Amino acid sequence: MKHNFDIYLFNPEIPQNAGNVARTCSATNTTLYLVKPLGFHLNDQKLKRAGLDYWESLQLALLNRSEFEEKLKANEKPHYFFTSKTTRSFWDVDLSDGASLIFGNETKGLPEEYYTLWKDHLVTIPMSPEARCLNLSNAVSIALYEGLRQSTFANYKPI
């Protein structure tokens, strides 16, 4: 069953993180968009190993920055940029109809202008004030599964 969620990784740098996200997206029938440039090649062994044998069932698309921005502007479903640079919790947004969940890269986050351009779409995953940020693949899992929890788990088999 395809869900109405999309995951976007903006300029991901660490192949293991992207591979883990790919595996999560495949396991949940969620489309993964990688926004170029990437910090690795798609044939990277670390990327492939982290994604295990889920690559064949993954719905994957590559976009450059302008394609990403155009797609976002044309998209009718809600979209949220996950960042540690805001105080609005992702628990305060309605993800029940599906959404585009967007994550910056591991060292720089999102482009600086996005904090102004998309300020009403910024959300964060609450954490200890001493923490800088969460691991990218963990953050994607937390956000995606909260969206799935809000929408439906009726067609999922128990673990």
Foldseek 3Di string as FASTA:
>chain_A
DAAQAEEEEEQAADLLLQLLLQLVCLVRNYAYEYEDDHNDDPVDPNNDVSVDPSVVSHRYYYHYPVRVVVCVVPDPFAEAEEDPPDDAAPVPDQLQRYYYYYWYYDPPIDPPCCCVVVVVRYHYHDDDPVDPHDRNNVVSVVNVVVSCVNHHPVPPDDD
